[in-house]
Amino acid sequence: MLPTLPLLCFLVLNVVIVIAGYIIVKKTQLLLAWFLLALGVGMIWFTFRQIHPIAKMLAIIATTFSAMKVITTTETYKGKPLTLTFKQWLAFTTGWAGMRAQPFETLGSVAVTGAWAMIRFGISRLLAGALLIGFAHLLVRQSLNLTFVYIAVSALLLVAFSLILHFGLLSISAGTLRLRGIHAYYLFNKPATSVSLTEFWGKRWNLAFIEMTTITLLRPLRHKLGNAAALMLAFLFSGLLHELALSVPVNKGYGLPLLYFSVQGLLVILEKTLTLYRINFLQNKSIARAWVFFWLVTPMPLLFHPAFLQEVVWPLAGLSTPYY
């Protein structure tokens, strides 16, 4: 059970971020918004330093997302009148993983079409994820090569948790918000159909991160540093946020998630450069999808490094430490 003091600190801190964040957005205090992020993450790290990695990870992610919403919304409404009420702000910060606040301006209006289709889609993915976790439990009990079991079960669990969270819970959340008149949308938009890494990272995988980096880094820095430098900084920033989520909780694997996103950023810049010179090597869809799959999956052990798998992913599924 989570000790009272860290839990209380987490709850109070996030309430403060939400309330103070609305004032910061109204006053357009961007530097103060970034300070709130640093302060929030620092306090969570200090308070949860002796707590189980799973609880630490969840607390860091939740606090980071709360603070990043303050930053993105401040940047979005900069130079514009704030038309978002506090009630709408509260729904945005506590009920949605996306980073665009504008859809919440219609909170309480007529239900948006497609809500129940999203909810059914989410439920089906939840069930699929649960089945994969069940299969992982069965696989562990078999008398098979330990290395094979470790690799196979780790892969199964990563897919399962992605189905449950990314495609399950977030889709149900989007559908529920649509019932309340909010134009919520899938945050993971058919990523398997991507025919380039540029499309995967820029349009389909984790729109919350895409919105976050576009609003806070790409748009402000593009004119100052150029497209390539701004894009690379956006990927590096994503890498740093994944360090917070994947390396800090287990206090190991530092630099590996950052390296993964550095590689992805360089590959996206390569794709854009080749396209600029009319070298369209991804015109064939089969080749294009093989390219995307290879570069996403091959370096993935950098992102989900052994310490994270062993101390977070396996225990989260109710399994003991891997045999590796």
C-alpha atoms as a PDB file:
ATOM      1  CA  MET A   1       0.000   0.000   0.000  1.00  0.00           C
ATOM      2  CA  LEU A   2       1.243   3.491  -0.862  1.00  0.00           C
ATOM      3  CA  PRO A   3       2.361   5.419   2.291  1.00  0.00           C
ATOM      4  CA  THR A   4       0.148   8.336   3.297  1.00  0.00           C
ATOM      5  CA  LEU A   5       2.730  11.126   3.006  1.00  0.00           C
ATOM      6  CA  PRO A   6       3.745  10.537  -0.653  1.00  0.00           C
ATOM      7  CA  LEU A   7       0.101  10.048  -1.664  1.00  0.00           C
ATOM      8  CA  LEU A   8      -0.924  13.250   0.124  1.00  0.00           C
ATOM      9  CA  CYS A   9       1.967  15.134  -1.472  1.00  0.00           C
ATOM     10  CA  PHE A  10       0.956  13.884  -4.913  1.00  0.00           C
ATOM     11  CA  LEU A  11      -2.701  14.883  -4.472  1.00  0.00           C
ATOM     12  CA  VAL A  12      -1.947  18.322  -3.001  1.00  0.00           C
ATOM     13  CA  LEU A  13       0.722  19.039  -5.594  1.00  0.00           C
ATOM     14  CA  ASN A  14      -1.541  18.204  -8.531  1.00  0.00           C
ATOM     15  CA  VAL A  15      -4.423  20.223  -7.075  1.00  0.00           C
ATOM     16  CA  VAL A  16      -2.045  23.182  -6.765  1.00  0.00           C
ATOM     17  CA  ILE A  17      -0.821  22.690 -10.338  1.00  0.00           C
ATOM     18  CA  VAL A  18      -4.393  22.644 -11.664  1.00  0.00           C
ATOM     19  CA  ILE A  19      -5.556  25.710  -9.709  1.00  0.00           C
ATOM     20  CA  ALA A  20      -2.357  27.745 -10.087  1.00  0.00           C
ATOM     21  CA  GLY A  21      -2.140  26.593 -13.692  1.00  0.00           C
ATOM     22  CA  TYR A  22      -5.417  28.262 -14.599  1.00  0.00           C
ATOM     23  CA  ILE A  23      -4.154  31.553 -13.156  1.00  0.00           C
ATOM     24  CA  ILE A  24      -0.871  31.150 -15.034  1.00  0.00           C
ATOM     25  CA  VAL A  25      -2.753  30.543 -18.292  1.00  0.00           C
ATOM     26  CA  LYS A  26      -4.912  33.638 -17.711  1.00  0.00           C
ATOM     27  CA  LYS A  27      -1.844  35.776 -16.976  1.00  0.00           C
ATOM     28  CA  THR A  28       0.162  34.148 -19.822  1.00  0.00           C
ATOM     29  CA  GLN A  29       3.137  33.522 -17.531  1.00  0.00           C
ATOM     30  CA  LEU A  30       5.047  31.011 -19.673  1.00  0.00           C
ATOM     31  CA  LEU A  31       8.247  30.997 -17.612  1.00  0.00           C
ATOM     32  CA  LEU A  32       6.220  30.386 -14.478  1.00  0.00           C
ATOM     33  CA  ALA A  33       4.517  27.467 -16.242  1.00  0.00           C
ATOM     34  CA  TRP A  34       7.905  25.853 -16.990  1.00  0.00           C
ATOM     35  CA  PHE A  35       8.973  26.497 -13.393  1.00  0.00           C
ATOM     36  CA  LEU A  36       5.815  24.710 -12.207  1.00  0.00           C
ATOM     37  CA  LEU A  37       6.844  21.655 -14.261  1.00  0.00           C
ATOM     38  CA  ALA A  38      10.350  21.575 -12.777  1.00  0.00           C
ATOM     39  CA  LEU A  39       9.044  22.114  -9.249  1.00  0.00           C
ATOM     40  CA  GLY A  40       6.335  19.470  -9.584  1.00  0.00           C
ATOM     41  CA  VAL A  41       8.607  16.762 -10.990  1.00  0.00           C
ATOM     42  CA  GLY A  42      11.307  17.590  -8.431  1.00  0.00           C
ATOM     43  CA  MET A  43       8.899  17.285  -5.513  1.00  0.00           C
ATOM     44  CA  ILE A  44       7.509  13.979  -6.784  1.00  0.00           C
ATOM     45  CA  TRP A  45      11.008  12.588  -7.266  1.00  0.00           C
ATOM     46  CA  PHE A  46      12.003  13.584  -3.731  1.00  0.00           C
ATOM     47  CA  THR A  47       8.803  12.386  -2.053  1.00  0.00           C
ATOM     48  CA  PHE A  48       8.611   9.084  -3.954  1.00  0.00           C
ATOM     49  CA  ARG A  49      12.347   8.263  -3.954  1.00  0.00           C
ATOM     50  CA  GLN A  50      11.872   5.266  -1.607  1.00  0.00           C
ATOM     51  CA  ILE A  51       8.536   4.144  -3.099  1.00  0.00           C
ATOM     52  CA  HIS A  52       7.987   1.206  -5.480  1.00  0.00           C
ATOM     53  CA  PRO A  53       8.947   2.046  -9.097  1.00  0.00           C
ATOM     54  CA  ILE A  54       5.387   1.482 -10.384  1.00  0.00           C
ATOM     55  CA  ALA A  55       3.889   4.067  -8.019  1.00  0.00           C
ATOM     56  CA  LYS A  56       6.796   6.411  -8.695  1.00  0.00           C
ATOM     57  CA  MET A  57       6.303   6.080 -12.464  1.00  0.00           C
ATOM     58  CA  LEU A  58       2.562   6.767 -12.275  1.00  0.00           C
ATOM     59  CA  ALA A  59       3.070   9.788 -10.018  1.00  0.00           C
ATOM     60  CA  ILE A  60       5.770  11.257 -12.265  1.00  0.00           C
ATOM     61  CA  ILE A  61       3.728  10.748 -15.444  1.00  0.00           C
ATOM     62  CA  ALA A  62       0.534  12.221 -13.961  1.00  0.00           C
ATOM     63  CA  THR A  63       2.324  15.259 -12.528  1.00  0.00           C
ATOM     64  CA  THR A  64       4.303  15.842 -15.719  1.00  0.00           C
ATOM     65  CA  PHE A  65       1.141  15.725 -17.822  1.00  0.00           C
ATOM     66  CA  SER A  66      -0.650  18.141 -15.470  1.00  0.00           C
ATOM     67  CA  ALA A  67       2.208  20.637 -15.647  1.00  0.00           C
ATOM     68  CA  MET A  68       2.660  20.240 -19.410  1.00  0.00           C
ATOM     69  CA  LYS A  69      -1.012  21.100 -19.887  1.00  0.00           C
ATOM     70  CA  VAL A  70      -0.342  24.412 -18.166  1.00  0.00           C
ATOM     71  CA  ILE A  71       2.575  25.074 -20.531  1.00  0.00           C
ATOM     72  CA  THR A  72       0.777  24.064 -23.730  1.00  0.00           C
ATOM     73  CA  THR A  73      -2.395  25.966 -22.848  1.00  0.00           C
ATOM     74  CA  THR A  74      -0.419  29.078 -21.900  1.00  0.00           C
ATOM     75  CA  GLU A  75       1.384  28.893 -25.240  1.00  0.00           C
ATOM     76  CA  THR A  76      -1.877  28.246 -27.120  1.00  0.00           C
ATOM     77  CA  TYR A  77      -3.770  31.208 -25.684  1.00  0.00           C
ATOM     78  CA  LYS A  78      -0.798  33.576 -25.730  1.00  0.00           C
ATOM     79  CA  GLY A  79      -1.975  36.868 -27.256  1.00  0.00           C
ATOM     80  CA  LYS A  80      -5.600  35.666 -27.276  1.00  0.00           C
ATOM     81  CA  PRO A  81      -8.488  36.071 -24.827  1.00  0.00           C
ATOM     82  CA  LEU A  82      -8.937  32.996 -22.618  1.00  0.00           C
ATOM     83  CA  THR A  83     -12.368  31.606 -23.455  1.00  0.00           C
ATOM     84  CA  LEU A  84     -11.883  28.479 -21.339  1.00  0.00           C
ATOM     85  CA  THR A  85     -13.865  28.529 -18.076  1.00  0.00           C
ATOM     86  CA  PHE A  86     -12.425  27.031 -14.904  1.00  0.00           C
ATOM     87  CA  LYS A  87     -14.940  24.158 -15.126  1.00  0.00           C
ATOM     88  CA  GLN A  88     -13.776  23.417 -18.672  1.00  0.00           C
ATOM     89  CA  TRP A  89     -10.139  23.717 -17.570  1.00  0.00           C
ATOM     90  CA  LEU A  90     -10.801  21.256 -14.727  1.00  0.00           C
ATOM     91  CA  ALA A  91     -12.352  18.731 -17.129  1.00  0.00           C
ATOM     92  CA  PHE A  92      -9.408  19.151 -19.520  1.00  0.00           C
ATOM     93  CA  THR A  93      -6.695  18.701 -16.890  1.00  0.00           C
ATOM     94  CA  THR A  94      -8.286  15.799 -15.025  1.00  0.00           C
ATOM     95  CA  GLY A  95     -10.222  13.878 -17.670  1.00  0.00           C
ATOM     96  CA  TRP A  96      -8.146  13.885 -20.828  1.00  0.00           C
ATOM     97  CA  ALA A  97      -4.620  12.913 -21.843  1.00  0.00           C
ATOM     98  CA  GLY A  98      -4.510  15.184 -24.909  1.00  0.00           C
ATOM     99  CA  MET A  99      -2.808  18.576 -24.854  1.00  0.00           C
ATOM    100  CA  ARG A 100      -5.301  20.713 -26.775  1.00  0.00           C
ATOM    101  CA  ALA A 101      -7.672  22.589 -24.486  1.00  0.00           C
ATOM    102  CA  GLN A 102      -9.870  24.166 -27.199  1.00  0.00           C
ATOM    103  CA  PRO A 103     -12.201  21.139 -27.657  1.00  0.00           C
ATOM    104  CA  PHE A 104     -13.283  21.583 -24.012  1.00  0.00           C
ATOM    105  CA  GLU A 105     -14.812  24.977 -24.779  1.00  0.00           C
ATOM    106  CA  THR A 106     -17.924  23.063 -25.920  1.00  0.00           C
ATOM    107  CA  LEU A 107     -18.282  21.107 -22.661  1.00  0.00           C
ATOM    108  CA  GLY A 108     -21.964  20.588 -21.854  1.00  0.00           C
ATOM    109  CA  SER A 109     -23.279  21.011 -25.388  1.00  0.00           C
ATOM    110  CA  VAL A 110     -24.984  18.387 -27.570  1.00  0.00           C
ATOM    111  CA  ALA A 111     -23.271  14.971 -27.650  1.00  0.00           C
ATOM    112  CA  VAL A 112     -20.801  14.483 -30.489  1.00  0.00           C
ATOM    113  CA  THR A 113     -21.446  11.625 -32.908  1.00  0.00           C
ATOM    114  CA  GLY A 114     -19.307   8.507 -32.771  1.00  0.00           C
ATOM    115  CA  ALA A 115     -19.060   8.402 -28.979  1.00  0.00           C
ATOM    116  CA  TRP A 116     -20.351   4.857 -28.483  1.00  0.00           C
ATOM    117  CA  ALA A 117     -18.242   3.509 -31.354  1.00  0.00           C
ATOM    118  CA  MET A 118     -15.164   4.852 -29.542  1.00  0.00           C
ATOM    119  CA  ILE A 119     -16.278   3.323 -26.267  1.00  0.00           C
ATOM    120  CA  ARG A 120     -16.919  -0.084 -27.880  1.00  0.00           C
ATOM    121  CA  PHE A 121     -13.530   0.105 -29.606  1.00  0.00           C
ATOM    122  CA  GLY A 122     -11.853   0.866 -26.282  1.00  0.00           C
ATOM    123  CA  ILE A 123     -13.595  -1.998 -24.483  1.00  0.00           C
ATOM    124  CA  SER A 124     -12.542  -4.460 -27.203  1.00  0.00           C
ATOM    125  CA  ARG A 125      -8.907  -3.359 -26.801  1.00  0.00           C
ATOM    126  CA  LEU A 126      -9.115  -3.680 -23.033  1.00  0.00           C
ATOM    127  CA  LEU A 127     -10.286  -7.271 -23.444  1.00  0.00           C
ATOM    128  CA  ALA A 128      -7.566  -8.013 -26.010  1.00  0.00           C
ATOM    129  CA  GLY A 129      -4.914  -6.629 -23.666  1.00  0.00           C
ATOM    130  CA  ALA A 130      -6.247  -8.701 -20.771  1.00  0.00           C
ATOM    131  CA  LEU A 131      -6.138 -11.844 -22.934  1.00  0.00           C
ATOM    132  CA  LEU A 132      -2.502 -11.184 -23.830  1.00  0.00           C
ATOM    133  CA  ILE A 133      -1.607 -10.788 -20.159  1.00  0.00           C
ATOM    134  CA  GLY A 134      -3.363 -14.076 -19.461  1.00  0.00           C
ATOM    135  CA  PHE A 135      -1.392 -15.722 -22.259  1.00  0.00           C
ATOM    136  CA  ALA A 136       1.842 -14.291 -20.811  1.00  0.00           C
ATOM    137  CA  HIS A 137       1.019 -15.939 -17.478  1.00  0.00           C
ATOM    138  CA  LEU A 138       0.504 -19.266 -19.258  1.00  0.00           C
ATOM    139  CA  LEU A 139       3.778 -18.900 -21.137  1.00  0.00           C
ATOM    140  CA  VAL A 140       5.733 -18.291 -17.933  1.00  0.00           C
ATOM    141  CA  ARG A 141       4.489 -21.601 -16.527  1.00  0.00           C
ATOM    142  CA  GLN A 142       5.794 -23.613 -19.481  1.00  0.00           C
ATOM    143  CA  SER A 143       9.125 -25.428 -19.408  1.00  0.00           C
ATOM    144  CA  LEU A 144      10.736 -23.374 -22.147  1.00  0.00           C
ATOM    145  CA  ASN A 145      14.066 -21.704 -22.736  1.00  0.00           C
ATOM    146  CA  LEU A 146      14.338 -18.896 -20.162  1.00  0.00           C
ATOM    147  CA  THR A 147      15.734 -16.342 -22.613  1.00  0.00           C
ATOM    148  CA  PHE A 148      12.909 -17.043 -25.043  1.00  0.00           C
ATOM    149  CA  VAL A 149      10.334 -16.710 -22.250  1.00  0.00           C
ATOM    150  CA  TYR A 150      11.836 -13.408 -21.101  1.00  0.00           C
ATOM    151  CA  ILE A 151      11.804 -11.895 -24.596  1.00  0.00           C
ATOM    152  CA  ALA A 152       8.409 -13.275 -25.612  1.00  0.00           C
ATOM    153  CA  VAL A 153       6.638 -12.342 -22.384  1.00  0.00           C
ATOM    154  CA  SER A 154       8.194  -8.855 -22.326  1.00  0.00           C
ATOM    155  CA  ALA A 155       6.967  -8.240 -25.878  1.00  0.00           C
ATOM    156  CA  LEU A 156       3.502  -9.603 -25.052  1.00  0.00           C
ATOM    157  CA  LEU A 157       3.203  -7.407 -21.979  1.00  0.00           C
ATOM    158  CA  LEU A 158       4.297  -4.246 -23.810  1.00  0.00           C
ATOM    159  CA  VAL A 159       1.673  -4.872 -26.486  1.00  0.00           C
ATOM    160  CA  ALA A 160      -0.937  -5.759 -23.859  1.00  0.00           C
ATOM    161  CA  PHE A 161      -0.414  -2.612 -21.802  1.00  0.00           C
ATOM    162  CA  SER A 162      -0.427  -0.506 -24.961  1.00  0.00           C
ATOM    163  CA  LEU A 163      -3.773  -2.040 -25.954  1.00  0.00           C
ATOM    164  CA  ILE A 164      -5.181  -1.450 -22.474  1.00  0.00           C
ATOM    165  CA  LEU A 165      -3.968   2.139 -22.043  1.00  0.00           C
ATOM    166  CA  HIS A 166      -3.370   3.683 -25.461  1.00  0.00           C
ATOM    167  CA  PHE A 167      -6.187   2.039 -27.395  1.00  0.00           C
ATOM    168  CA  GLY A 168      -8.482   0.969 -24.565  1.00  0.00           C
ATOM    169  CA  LEU A 169      -8.758   3.457 -21.699  1.00  0.00           C
ATOM    170  CA  LEU A 170      -7.936   6.518 -23.808  1.00  0.00           C
ATOM    171  CA  SER A 171     -10.547   5.563 -26.422  1.00  0.00           C
ATOM    172  CA  ILE A 172     -13.174   5.039 -23.720  1.00  0.00           C
ATOM    173  CA  SER A 173     -12.205   8.415 -22.248  1.00  0.00           C
ATOM    174  CA  ALA A 174     -12.565  10.087 -25.662  1.00  0.00           C
ATOM    175  CA  GLY A 175     -15.970   8.487 -26.236  1.00  0.00           C
ATOM    176  CA  THR A 176     -17.196   9.492 -22.782  1.00  0.00           C
ATOM    177  CA  LEU A 177     -16.099  13.092 -23.376  1.00  0.00           C
ATOM    178  CA  ARG A 178     -17.948  13.100 -26.702  1.00  0.00           C
ATOM    179  CA  LEU A 179     -21.129  12.260 -24.823  1.00  0.00           C
ATOM    180  CA  ARG A 180     -20.566  15.508 -22.910  1.00  0.00           C
ATOM    181  CA  GLY A 181     -20.252  17.582 -26.068  1.00  0.00           C
ATOM    182  CA  ILE A 182     -16.446  17.629 -26.339  1.00  0.00           C
ATOM    183  CA  HIS A 183     -14.847  16.885 -29.701  1.00  0.00           C
ATOM    184  CA  ALA A 184     -12.383  14.368 -28.252  1.00  0.00           C
ATOM    185  CA  TYR A 185     -10.517  12.111 -30.655  1.00  0.00           C
ATOM    186  CA  TYR A 186      -8.336   9.014 -30.815  1.00  0.00           C
ATOM    187  CA  LEU A 187      -4.885   9.878 -29.463  1.00  0.00           C
ATOM    188  CA  PHE A 188      -3.464   6.835 -31.258  1.00  0.00           C
ATOM    189  CA  ASN A 189      -4.683   7.159 -34.816  1.00  0.00           C
ATOM    190  CA  LYS A 190      -4.154   3.876 -36.715  1.00  0.00           C
ATOM    191  CA  PRO A 191      -0.352   3.861 -36.256  1.00  0.00           C
ATOM    192  CA  ALA A 192       0.022   0.511 -38.065  1.00  0.00           C
ATOM    193  CA  THR A 193      -0.945   2.221 -41.337  1.00  0.00           C
ATOM    194  CA  SER A 194       2.076   4.547 -41.242  1.00  0.00           C
ATOM    195  CA  VAL A 195       4.251   4.443 -44.358  1.00  0.00           C
ATOM    196  CA  SER A 196       7.068   6.569 -42.946  1.00  0.00           C
ATOM    197  CA  LEU A 197       8.538   7.431 -39.573  1.00  0.00           C
ATOM    198  CA  THR A 198       7.552  11.028 -40.296  1.00  0.00           C
ATOM    199  CA  GLU A 199       3.907   9.980 -40.534  1.00  0.00           C
ATOM    200  CA  PHE A 200       4.154   7.688 -37.503  1.00  0.00           C
ATOM    201  CA  TRP A 201       5.664  10.278 -35.161  1.00  0.00           C
ATOM    202  CA  GLY A 202       3.953  13.303 -36.679  1.00  0.00           C
ATOM    203  CA  LYS A 203       0.354  12.173 -37.216  1.00  0.00           C
ATOM    204  CA  ARG A 204      -0.457   8.798 -35.717  1.00  0.00           C
ATOM    205  CA  TRP A 205       1.390   7.739 -32.570  1.00  0.00           C
ATOM    206  CA  ASN A 206       0.538   9.516 -29.315  1.00  0.00           C
ATOM    207  CA  LEU A 207      -1.098  12.732 -30.483  1.00  0.00           C
ATOM    208  CA  ALA A 208      -0.735  14.077 -26.939  1.00  0.00           C
ATOM    209  CA  PHE A 209       3.052  14.097 -27.345  1.00  0.00           C
ATOM    210  CA  ILE A 210       2.738  15.465 -30.878  1.00  0.00           C
ATOM    211  CA  GLU A 211       0.542  18.315 -29.623  1.00  0.00           C
ATOM    212  CA  MET A 212       2.865  18.921 -26.680  1.00  0.00           C
ATOM    213  CA  THR A 213       6.064  19.181 -28.684  1.00  0.00           C
ATOM    214  CA  THR A 214       4.448  21.056 -31.593  1.00  0.00           C
ATOM    215  CA  ILE A 215       2.900  23.733 -29.376  1.00  0.00           C
ATOM    216  CA  THR A 216       5.765  24.176 -26.921  1.00  0.00           C
ATOM    217  CA  LEU A 217       8.839  23.671 -29.119  1.00  0.00           C
ATOM    218  CA  LEU A 218       8.305  23.257 -32.867  1.00  0.00           C
ATOM    219  CA  ARG A 219       6.185  26.346 -33.486  1.00  0.00           C
ATOM    220  CA  PRO A 220       8.148  28.753 -31.238  1.00  0.00           C
ATOM    221  CA  LEU A 221      11.596  27.534 -32.366  1.00  0.00           C
ATOM    222  CA  ARG A 222      11.044  26.784 -36.064  1.00  0.00           C
ATOM    223  CA  HIS A 223      11.544  30.376 -37.212  1.00  0.00           C
ATOM    224  CA  LYS A 224      14.540  30.897 -34.902  1.00  0.00           C
ATOM    225  CA  LEU A 225      16.489  27.678 -35.441  1.00  0.00           C
ATOM    226  CA  GLY A 226      15.113  26.208 -38.654  1.00  0.00           C
ATOM    227  CA  ASN A 227      12.917  23.154 -39.151  1.00  0.00           C
ATOM    228  CA  ALA A 228      15.575  20.464 -38.660  1.00  0.00           C
ATOM    229  CA  ALA A 229      16.991  21.883 -35.421  1.00  0.00           C
ATOM    230  CA  ALA A 230      13.534  22.531 -33.962  1.00  0.00           C
ATOM    231  CA  LEU A 231      12.420  19.015 -34.917  1.00  0.00           C
ATOM    232  CA  MET A 232      15.501  17.460 -33.337  1.00  0.00           C
ATOM    233  CA  LEU A 233      14.964  19.438 -30.133  1.00  0.00           C
ATOM    234  CA  ALA A 234      11.370  18.194 -30.039  1.00  0.00           C
ATOM    235  CA  PHE A 235      12.576  14.580 -30.233  1.00  0.00           C
ATOM    236  CA  LEU A 236      15.215  15.221 -27.570  1.00  0.00           C
ATOM    237  CA  PHE A 237      12.553  16.728 -25.325  1.00  0.00           C
ATOM    238  CA  SER A 238      10.395  13.624 -25.850  1.00  0.00           C
ATOM    239  CA  GLY A 239      13.432  11.552 -24.916  1.00  0.00           C
ATOM    240  CA  LEU A 240      13.894  13.511 -21.687  1.00  0.00           C
ATOM    241  CA  LEU A 241      10.234  13.044 -20.760  1.00  0.00           C
ATOM    242  CA  HIS A 242      10.596   9.300 -21.369  1.00  0.00           C
ATOM    243  CA  GLU A 243      13.687   9.311 -19.146  1.00  0.00           C
ATOM    244  CA  LEU A 244      11.437  10.683 -16.408  1.00  0.00           C
ATOM    245  CA  ALA A 245       8.839   7.987 -17.027  1.00  0.00           C
ATOM    246  CA  LEU A 246      11.062   4.965 -17.698  1.00  0.00           C
ATOM    247  CA  SER A 247      14.509   5.490 -16.158  1.00  0.00           C
ATOM    248  CA  VAL A 248      13.918   7.670 -13.094  1.00  0.00           C
ATOM    249  CA  PRO A 249      11.388   5.276 -11.470  1.00  0.00           C
ATOM    250  CA  VAL A 250      13.908   2.396 -11.523  1.00  0.00           C
ATOM    251  CA  ASN A 251      16.964   4.653 -11.150  1.00  0.00           C
ATOM    252  CA  LYS A 252      18.680   2.786 -14.000  1.00  0.00           C
ATOM    253  CA  GLY A 253      18.970   2.879 -17.762  1.00  0.00           C
ATOM    254  CA  TYR A 254      19.685   6.605 -17.918  1.00  0.00           C
ATOM    255  CA  GLY A 255      20.373   7.897 -21.408  1.00  0.00           C
ATOM    256  CA  LEU A 256      18.830   4.945 -23.243  1.00  0.00           C
ATOM    257  CA  PRO A 257      15.345   6.411 -23.903  1.00  0.00           C
ATOM    258  CA  LEU A 258      17.015   9.677 -24.905  1.00  0.00           C
ATOM    259  CA  LEU A 259      19.205   7.758 -27.350  1.00  0.00           C
ATOM    260  CA  TYR A 260      16.133   5.994 -28.788  1.00  0.00           C
ATOM    261  CA  PHE A 261      14.398   9.292 -29.538  1.00  0.00           C
ATOM    262  CA  SER A 262      17.629  10.802 -30.853  1.00  0.00           C
ATOM    263  CA  VAL A 263      17.788   7.985 -33.411  1.00  0.00           C
ATOM    264  CA  GLN A 264      14.120   8.513 -34.328  1.00  0.00           C
ATOM    265  CA  GLY A 265      14.660  12.252 -34.753  1.00  0.00           C
ATOM    266  CA  LEU A 266      17.654  11.740 -37.034  1.00  0.00           C
ATOM    267  CA  LEU A 267      15.724   9.219 -39.127  1.00  0.00           C
ATOM    268  CA  VAL A 268      12.770  11.590 -39.540  1.00  0.00           C
ATOM    269  CA  ILE A 269      15.139  14.359 -40.625  1.00  0.00           C
ATOM    270  CA  LEU A 270      16.741  11.889 -43.068  1.00  0.00           C
ATOM    271  CA  GLU A 271      13.321  11.060 -44.535  1.00  0.00           C
ATOM    272  CA  LYS A 272      12.468  14.737 -44.950  1.00  0.00           C
ATOM    273  CA  THR A 273      15.861  15.467 -46.551  1.00  0.00           C
ATOM    274  CA  LEU A 274      15.520  12.603 -49.038  1.00  0.00           C
ATOM    275  CA  THR A 275      12.003  13.757 -49.917  1.00  0.00           C
ATOM    276  CA  LEU A 276      13.300  17.284 -50.447  1.00  0.00           C
ATOM    277  CA  TYR A 277      15.758  15.911 -53.000  1.00  0.00           C
ATOM    278  CA  ARG A 278      12.964  13.862 -54.622  1.00  0.00           C
ATOM    279  CA  ILE A 279      14.432  10.540 -53.458  1.00  0.00           C
ATOM    280  CA  ASN A 280      11.156   8.776 -52.763  1.00  0.00           C
ATOM    281  CA  PHE A 281      12.438   5.455 -51.468  1.00  0.00           C
ATOM    282  CA  LEU A 282       9.226   4.794 -49.493  1.00  0.00           C
ATOM    283  CA  GLN A 283       6.807   4.802 -52.407  1.00  0.00           C
ATOM    284  CA  ASN A 284       6.231   1.050 -52.176  1.00  0.00           C
ATOM    285  CA  LYS A 285       3.924   0.510 -49.182  1.00  0.00           C
ATOM    286  CA  SER A 286       5.359  -2.894 -48.273  1.00  0.00           C
ATOM    287  CA  ILE A 287       8.906  -1.529 -48.219  1.00  0.00           C
ATOM    288  CA  ALA A 288       7.726   1.579 -46.371  1.00  0.00           C
ATOM    289  CA  ARG A 289       6.009  -0.402 -43.622  1.00  0.00           C
ATOM    290  CA  ALA A 290       8.994  -2.728 -43.282  1.00  0.00           C
ATOM    291  CA  TRP A 291      11.210   0.371 -42.903  1.00  0.00           C
ATOM    292  CA  VAL A 292       8.937   1.826 -40.208  1.00  0.00           C
ATOM    293  CA  PHE A 293       8.644  -1.478 -38.329  1.00  0.00           C
ATOM    294  CA  PHE A 294      12.393  -2.126 -38.420  1.00  0.00           C
ATOM    295  CA  TRP A 295      13.404   1.284 -37.070  1.00  0.00           C
ATOM    296  CA  LEU A 296      10.722   1.352 -34.408  1.00  0.00           C
ATOM    297  CA  VAL A 297      11.274  -2.163 -33.073  1.00  0.00           C
ATOM    298  CA  THR A 298      15.009  -2.884 -33.522  1.00  0.00           C
ATOM    299  CA  PRO A 299      16.214  -0.124 -31.149  1.00  0.00           C
ATOM    300  CA  MET A 300      13.265  -0.601 -28.770  1.00  0.00           C
ATOM    301  CA  PRO A 301      15.423  -2.234 -26.032  1.00  0.00           C
ATOM    302  CA  LEU A 302      16.920   1.231 -25.610  1.00  0.00           C
ATOM    303  CA  LEU A 303      13.495   2.616 -24.750  1.00  0.00           C
ATOM    304  CA  PHE A 304      12.173  -0.270 -22.669  1.00  0.00           C
ATOM    305  CA  HIS A 305      15.445  -1.233 -21.066  1.00  0.00           C
ATOM    306  CA  PRO A 306      15.872  -4.334 -18.862  1.00  0.00           C
ATOM    307  CA  ALA A 307      15.536  -2.513 -15.537  1.00  0.00           C
ATOM    308  CA  PHE A 308      12.180  -1.024 -16.572  1.00  0.00           C
ATOM    309  CA  LEU A 309      10.916  -4.379 -17.840  1.00  0.00           C
ATOM    310  CA  GLN A 310      11.988  -6.223 -14.712  1.00  0.00           C
ATOM    311  CA  GLU A 311      10.914  -3.691 -12.081  1.00  0.00           C
ATOM    312  CA  VAL A 312       7.800  -2.187 -13.690  1.00  0.00           C
ATOM    313  CA  VAL A 313       6.353  -4.108 -16.645  1.00  0.00           C
ATOM    314  CA  TRP A 314       6.495  -7.656 -15.278  1.00  0.00           C
ATOM    315  CA  PRO A 315       5.341  -6.750 -11.728  1.00  0.00           C
ATOM    316  CA  LEU A 316       2.527  -4.618 -13.195  1.00  0.00           C
ATOM    317  CA  ALA A 317       1.231  -7.817 -14.830  1.00  0.00           C
ATOM    318  CA  GLY A 318       1.522  -9.722 -11.560  1.00  0.00           C
ATOM    319  CA  LEU A 319       4.582 -11.661 -12.678  1.00  0.00           C
ATOM    320  CA  SER A 320       7.826 -12.226 -10.810  1.00  0.00           C
ATOM    321  CA  THR A 321      11.203 -10.944 -11.948  1.00  0.00           C
ATOM    322  CA  PRO A 322      12.177 -12.261 -15.422  1.00  0.00           C
ATOM    323  CA  TYR A 323      14.703 -15.061 -15.781  1.00  0.00           C
ATOM    324  CA  TYR A 324      17.418 -13.109 -17.525  1.00  0.00           C
END
